[in-house]
Amino acid sequence: MGELILRLPPNDRPFIYETDRTAMWIALRQCDGNIEMAAHKIAILWQADETAIRSEIELAVSDWQNDGLLMRQA
């Protein structure tokens, strides 16, 4: 199992995420930010409900945006 540590300049505040959020971040990066594609990819790997995974990714993206780790798209 792994974890993701993201740091936000200028003070390098760490944001530490467990395995689920780490997988979501990686899947989003691999899918060029496409939530639907990332959810599909994770649902297959985890043998889980794609709709539930998509909801979890949307929540994670919202959290990352609120923390300043991702920019909101116009």
Protein backbone atom coordinates (compact mmCIF):
# COMPACT_ATOMS: atom_id res chain seq x y z
CA MET A 1 0.00 0.00 0.00
CA GLY A 2 1.16 3.49 -0.70
CA GLU A 3 0.33 7.03 0.11
CA LEU A 4 0.45 10.28 -1.79
CA ILE A 5 2.06 13.39 -0.35
CA LEU A 6 1.41 16.65 -2.17
CA ARG A 7 3.04 19.89 -1.10
CA LEU A 8 1.65 23.34 -1.69
CA PRO A 9 4.11 26.23 -2.07
CA PRO A 10 5.19 28.63 -0.74
CA ASN A 11 5.38 26.98 2.69
CA ASP A 12 5.35 23.37 1.38
CA ARG A 13 2.32 22.48 3.47
CA PRO A 14 1.94 18.69 3.10
CA PHE A 15 -1.31 17.01 2.12
CA ILE A 16 -1.13 13.27 2.82
CA TYR A 17 -3.56 10.83 1.21
CA GLU A 18 -4.13 7.13 1.75
CA THR A 19 -4.34 4.45 -0.94
CA ASP A 20 -7.83 5.24 -2.30
CA ARG A 21 -7.16 8.93 -2.91
CA THR A 22 -3.69 8.11 -4.24
CA ALA A 23 -5.23 5.80 -6.85
CA MET A 24 -7.76 8.47 -7.77
CA TRP A 25 -5.03 11.09 -8.25
CA ILE A 26 -2.97 8.73 -10.41
CA ALA A 27 -5.99 7.67 -12.49
CA LEU A 28 -6.97 11.29 -13.07
CA ARG A 29 -3.44 12.11 -14.22
CA GLN A 30 -3.40 9.09 -16.54
CA CYS A 31 -6.80 10.08 -17.96
CA ASP A 32 -5.91 13.76 -18.49
CA GLY A 33 -8.30 14.86 -15.75
CA ASN A 34 -11.31 13.04 -17.20
CA ILE A 35 -13.33 11.94 -14.16
CA GLU A 36 -15.49 9.47 -16.10
CA MET A 37 -12.49 7.70 -17.63
CA ALA A 38 -10.69 7.62 -14.27
CA ALA A 39 -13.76 6.19 -12.53
CA HIS A 40 -14.11 3.52 -15.21
CA LYS A 41 -10.44 2.56 -14.88
CA ILE A 42 -10.59 2.32 -11.08
CA ALA A 43 -13.94 0.48 -11.09
CA ILE A 44 -12.42 -2.23 -13.27
CA LEU A 45 -9.30 -2.53 -11.12
CA TRP A 46 -11.22 -2.58 -7.84
CA GLN A 47 -14.21 -4.52 -9.19
CA ALA A 48 -16.40 -1.79 -7.73
CA ASP A 49 -19.45 0.21 -8.73
CA GLU A 50 -18.38 2.83 -11.28
CA THR A 51 -21.03 5.34 -10.17
CA ALA A 52 -19.85 5.15 -6.57
CA ILE A 53 -16.22 5.54 -7.64
CA ARG A 54 -17.12 8.55 -9.77
CA SER A 55 -18.84 10.18 -6.78
CA GLU A 56 -15.75 9.57 -4.65
CA ILE A 57 -13.49 11.06 -7.32
CA GLU A 58 -15.75 14.11 -7.65
CA LEU A 59 -15.53 14.60 -3.87
CA ALA A 60 -11.73 14.22 -3.95
CA VAL A 61 -11.44 16.73 -6.82
CA SER A 62 -13.59 19.20 -4.89
CA ASP A 63 -11.39 18.79 -1.81
CA TRP A 64 -8.22 19.23 -3.89
CA GLN A 65 -9.66 22.36 -5.48
CA ASN A 66 -10.64 23.79 -2.09
CA ASP A 67 -7.12 23.10 -0.80
CA GLY A 68 -5.58 24.84 -3.81
CA LEU A 69 -4.02 21.67 -5.25
CA LEU A 70 -6.15 21.75 -8.42
CA MET A 71 -7.51 24.69 -10.34
CA ARG A 72 -11.20 24.94 -11.16
CA GLN A 73 -11.95 24.88 -14.87
CA ALA A 74 -13.88 27.75 -16.37
